[in-house]
C-alpha atoms as a PDB file:
ATOM      1  CA  MET A   1     -57.318  44.335  43.180  1.00  0.00           C
ATOM      2  CA  ARG A   2     -56.241  45.269  46.676  1.00  0.00           C
ATOM      3  CA  THR A   3     -58.362  46.571  49.466  1.00  0.00           C
ATOM      4  CA  VAL A   4     -57.513  49.356  51.872  1.00  0.00           C
ATOM      5  CA  GLU A   5     -58.431  48.409  55.451  1.00  0.00           C
ATOM      6  CA  GLU A   6     -57.574  50.305  58.546  1.00  0.00           C
ATOM      7  CA  THR A   7     -58.641  49.747  62.178  1.00  0.00           C
ATOM      8  CA  VAL A   8     -58.988  53.067  64.110  1.00  0.00           C
ATOM      9  CA  GLN A   9     -60.244  54.111  67.463  1.00  0.00           C
ATOM     10  CA  ALA A  10     -63.378  56.251  67.753  1.00  0.00           C
ATOM     11  CA  ARG A  11     -65.366  57.710  70.654  1.00  0.00           C
ATOM     12  CA  LEU A  12     -69.123  56.993  70.661  1.00  0.00           C
ATOM     13  CA  ILE A  13     -70.595  60.077  72.246  1.00  0.00           C
ATOM     14  CA  LEU A  14     -73.302  59.101  74.733  1.00  0.00           C
ATOM     15  CA  SER A  15     -73.865  62.549  76.359  1.00  0.00           C
ATOM     16  CA  PRO A  16     -71.995  65.854  76.605  1.00  0.00           C
ATOM     17  CA  HIS A  17     -69.894  64.346  79.406  1.00  0.00           C
ATOM     18  CA  ARG A  18     -69.808  60.608  78.585  1.00  0.00           C
ATOM     19  CA  SER A  19     -68.368  58.562  75.727  1.00  0.00           C
ATOM     20  CA  VAL A  20     -67.016  55.130  75.142  1.00  0.00           C
ATOM     21  CA  ARG A  21     -64.126  53.976  73.021  1.00  0.00           C
ATOM     22  CA  LEU A  22     -64.758  51.560  70.192  1.00  0.00           C
ATOM     23  CA  ARG A  23     -62.786  49.988  67.371  1.00  0.00           C
ATOM     24  CA  VAL A  24     -63.931  50.919  63.853  1.00  0.00           C
ATOM     25  CA  VAL A  25     -62.695  49.208  60.703  1.00  0.00           C
ATOM     26  CA  LEU A  26     -62.484  51.552  57.704  1.00  0.00           C
ATOM     27  CA  SER A  27     -62.381  49.873  54.329  1.00  0.00           C
ATOM     28  CA  TYR A  28     -62.166  50.877  50.640  1.00  0.00           C
ATOM     29  CA  LEU A  29     -62.701  48.478  47.769  1.00  0.00           C
ATOM     30  CA  PRO A  30     -61.517  49.598  44.288  1.00  0.00           C
ATOM     31  CA  GLU A  31     -64.338  47.619  42.710  1.00  0.00           C
ATOM     32  CA  ASP A  32     -66.788  49.970  44.563  1.00  0.00           C
ATOM     33  CA  PRO A  33     -64.713  53.089  43.942  1.00  0.00           C
ATOM     34  CA  LEU A  34     -67.161  55.760  45.126  1.00  0.00           C
ATOM     35  CA  ALA A  35     -67.784  54.291  48.606  1.00  0.00           C
ATOM     36  CA  VAL A  36     -66.123  53.764  51.955  1.00  0.00           C
ATOM     37  CA  ARG A  37     -67.272  51.334  54.630  1.00  0.00           C
ATOM     38  CA  MET A  38     -67.248  51.815  58.377  1.00  0.00           C
ATOM     39  CA  THR A  39     -67.639  48.559  60.342  1.00  0.00           C
ATOM     40  CA  PHE A  40     -68.601  48.695  64.007  1.00  0.00           C
ATOM     41  CA  PRO A  41     -68.520  45.828  66.573  1.00  0.00           C
ATOM     42  CA  ALA A  42     -71.686  43.843  66.974  1.00  0.00           C
ATOM     43  CA  GLU A  43     -72.047  44.763  70.657  1.00  0.00           C
ATOM     44  CA  PHE A  44     -72.934  48.314  69.590  1.00  0.00           C
ATOM     45  CA  SER A  45     -75.867  47.145  67.484  1.00  0.00           C
ATOM     46  CA  LEU A  46     -79.413  48.147  68.468  1.00  0.00           C
ATOM     47  CA  ASP A  47     -80.772  45.319  66.337  1.00  0.00           C
ATOM     48  CA  ASP A  48     -80.945  41.927  68.108  1.00  0.00           C
ATOM     49  CA  ASP A  49     -83.290  40.293  65.543  1.00  0.00           C
ATOM     50  CA  THR A  50     -80.848  37.994  63.822  1.00  0.00           C
ATOM     51  CA  GLU A  51     -81.941  34.500  62.864  1.00  0.00           C
ATOM     52  CA  ASP A  52     -79.425  32.668  65.017  1.00  0.00           C
ATOM     53  CA  GLY A  53     -79.496  35.171  67.867  1.00  0.00           C
ATOM     54  CA  ALA A  54     -75.933  36.338  67.249  1.00  0.00           C
ATOM     55  CA  ALA A  55     -75.438  39.999  66.651  1.00  0.00           C
ATOM     56  CA  GLU A  56     -73.630  40.936  63.467  1.00  0.00           C
ATOM     57  CA  ASP A  57     -71.146  43.766  62.932  1.00  0.00           C
ATOM     58  CA  ILE A  58     -72.753  46.969  61.777  1.00  0.00           C
ATOM     59  CA  VAL A  59     -71.574  48.213  58.368  1.00  0.00           C
ATOM     60  CA  TRP A  60     -72.247  51.736  57.056  1.00  0.00           C
ATOM     61  CA  ILE A  61     -71.467  52.440  53.423  1.00  0.00           C
ATOM     62  CA  PHE A  62     -71.337  56.033  52.153  1.00  0.00           C
ATOM     63  CA  ALA A  63     -69.521  58.198  49.615  1.00  0.00           C
ATOM     64  CA  ARG A  64     -65.735  58.562  49.949  1.00  0.00           C
ATOM     65  CA  GLN A  65     -66.178  62.174  48.789  1.00  0.00           C
ATOM     66  CA  LEU A  66     -68.516  62.853  51.808  1.00  0.00           C
ATOM     67  CA  LEU A  67     -65.782  61.659  54.217  1.00  0.00           C
ATOM     68  CA  SER A  68     -63.112  63.611  52.339  1.00  0.00           C
ATOM     69  CA  SER A  69     -65.154  66.843  52.340  1.00  0.00           C
ATOM     70  CA  GLY A  70     -66.387  66.425  55.881  1.00  0.00           C
ATOM     71  CA  ILE A  71     -63.014  66.499  57.496  1.00  0.00           C
ATOM     72  CA  GLU A  72     -62.582  70.040  56.089  1.00  0.00           C
ATOM     73  CA  VAL A  73     -66.128  71.524  56.251  1.00  0.00           C
ATOM     74  CA  PRO A  74     -69.531  70.215  57.303  1.00  0.00           C
ATOM     75  CA  ALA A  75     -70.861  67.817  54.667  1.00  0.00           C
ATOM     76  CA  GLY A  76     -73.776  65.457  54.083  1.00  0.00           C
ATOM     77  CA  VAL A  77     -77.543  65.397  54.343  1.00  0.00           C
ATOM     78  CA  GLY A  78     -79.779  62.648  55.458  1.00  0.00           C
ATOM     79  CA  ASP A  79     -78.330  59.549  57.120  1.00  0.00           C
ATOM     80  CA  VAL A  80     -74.643  60.495  57.229  1.00  0.00           C
ATOM     81  CA  LEU A  81     -73.211  63.848  58.333  1.00  0.00           C
ATOM     82  CA  VAL A  82     -69.473  64.504  58.684  1.00  0.00           C
ATOM     83  CA  ARG A  83     -67.943  67.685  60.162  1.00  0.00           C
ATOM     84  CA  PRO A  84     -64.678  68.902  61.588  1.00  0.00           C
ATOM     85  CA  SER A  85     -64.485  69.228  65.354  1.00  0.00           C
ATOM     86  CA  PRO A  86     -62.068  70.998  67.703  1.00  0.00           C
ATOM     87  CA  ALA A  87     -58.709  69.487  68.606  1.00  0.00           C
ATOM     88  CA  ARG A  88     -58.070  67.813  65.186  1.00  0.00           C
ATOM     89  CA  ARG A  89     -61.082  65.572  65.433  1.00  0.00           C
ATOM     90  CA  THR A  90     -63.879  64.742  62.983  1.00  0.00           C
ATOM     91  CA  THR A  91     -67.431  63.996  64.001  1.00  0.00           C
ATOM     92  CA  VAL A  92     -69.514  61.438  62.052  1.00  0.00           C
ATOM     93  CA  GLU A  93     -73.237  61.381  62.695  1.00  0.00           C
ATOM     94  CA  LEU A  94     -75.104  58.242  61.574  1.00  0.00           C
ATOM     95  CA  ARG A  95     -78.881  58.331  61.559  1.00  0.00           C
ATOM     96  CA  ALA A  96     -81.084  55.216  61.359  1.00  0.00           C
ATOM     97  CA  PRO A  97     -84.709  54.503  62.325  1.00  0.00           C
ATOM     98  CA  GLU A  98     -83.383  52.891  65.507  1.00  0.00           C
ATOM     99  CA  GLY A  99     -81.590  56.078  66.587  1.00  0.00           C
ATOM    100  CA  THR A 100     -78.599  58.306  65.978  1.00  0.00           C
ATOM    101  CA  ALA A 101     -74.980  57.572  66.645  1.00  0.00           C
ATOM    102  CA  LEU A 102     -72.470  60.396  67.161  1.00  0.00           C
ATOM    103  CA  LEU A 103     -68.861  59.310  66.719  1.00  0.00           C
ATOM    104  CA  ARG A 104     -65.619  61.286  67.012  1.00  0.00           C
ATOM    105  CA  PHE A 105     -62.489  60.248  65.152  1.00  0.00           C
ATOM    106  CA  ASP A 106     -58.917  61.537  65.114  1.00  0.00           C
ATOM    107  CA  THR A 107     -58.794  63.420  61.823  1.00  0.00           C
ATOM    108  CA  ALA A 108     -55.248  62.157  61.146  1.00  0.00           C
ATOM    109  CA  ASP A 109     -56.582  58.581  61.113  1.00  0.00           C
ATOM    110  CA  LEU A 110     -59.223  59.484  58.521  1.00  0.00           C
ATOM    111  CA  ARG A 111     -56.735  61.422  56.411  1.00  0.00           C
ATOM    112  CA  ARG A 112     -54.328  58.435  56.394  1.00  0.00           C
ATOM    113  CA  PHE A 113     -57.138  56.085  55.312  1.00  0.00           C
ATOM    114  CA  LEU A 114     -58.279  58.426  52.547  1.00  0.00           C
ATOM    115  CA  TRP A 115     -54.670  58.891  51.334  1.00  0.00           C
ATOM    116  CA  ARG A 116     -54.247  55.079  51.127  1.00  0.00           C
ATOM    117  CA  SER A 117     -57.529  54.807  49.230  1.00  0.00           C
ATOM    118  CA  ARG A 118     -56.408  57.440  46.759  1.00  0.00           C
ATOM    119  CA  LEU A 119     -53.224  55.446  46.030  1.00  0.00           C
ATOM    120  CA  LEU A 120     -55.503  52.705  44.630  1.00  0.00           C
ATOM    121  CA  VAL A 121     -58.088  54.978  42.968  1.00  0.00           C
ATOM    122  CA  PRO A 122     -57.266  58.689  42.702  1.00  0.00           C
ATOM    123  CA  GLU A 123     -60.237  61.045  43.264  1.00  0.00           C
ATOM    124  CA  GLY A 124     -61.725  61.807  39.846  1.00  0.00           C
ATOM    125  CA  ASP A 125     -60.724  58.419  38.437  1.00  0.00           C
ATOM    126  CA  GLU A 126     -63.523  56.445  40.064  1.00  0.00           C
ATOM    127  CA  HIS A 127     -65.407  56.137  36.752  1.00  0.00           C
ATOM    128  CA  LEU A 128     -62.473  54.182  35.350  1.00  0.00           C
ATOM    129  CA  HIS A 129     -63.067  51.460  37.966  1.00  0.00           C
ATOM    130  CA  LEU A 130     -66.871  51.184  37.741  1.00  0.00           C
ATOM    131  CA  ASP A 131     -68.335  47.982  36.382  1.00  0.00           C
ATOM    132  CA  ALA A 132     -71.866  49.067  35.447  1.00  0.00           C
ATOM    133  CA  ASP A 133     -73.019  45.535  34.500  1.00  0.00           C
ATOM    134  CA  ARG A 134     -71.817  44.084  37.777  1.00  0.00           C
ATOM    135  CA  ALA A 135     -73.354  46.922  39.777  1.00  0.00           C
ATOM    136  CA  LEU A 136     -76.739  46.432  38.027  1.00  0.00           C
ATOM    137  CA  ALA A 137     -76.579  42.652  38.658  1.00  0.00           C
ATOM    138  CA  GLN A 138     -75.919  43.245  42.366  1.00  0.00           C
ATOM    139  CA  LEU A 139     -78.738  45.796  42.540  1.00  0.00           C
ATOM    140  CA  LEU A 140     -81.183  43.417  40.992  1.00  0.00           C
ATOM    141  CA  GLY A 141     -80.046  40.465  43.075  1.00  0.00           C
END
């Protein structure tokens, strides 16, 4: 099966008047049909406790439906919140014990990514791509 992967630009909001640009890789795997992944460069990690001292890219995994809904209306509770913003932007808020990251994306980039993911697995057909045995094996290690 193919994978949808798209590199987009985002703004990491540091304060009301300050932000930095970063590259984010969005990915969708048909074998994990309910989820999307956002991968951020290692230099934005707050965690420097890796075994070899090298920082690793940060990967957030959350529901594709959350991203899809959040570009239209505020969506999410807990660790991931997605909401529309002015000027055709979408804000994604990621909360972790280390802190909160507020990111702003061009909504057109997110819509294009979601459209491409739906070409592989249409919304509503995710259950046809689930492998319960494999998912249980991964969960149990």
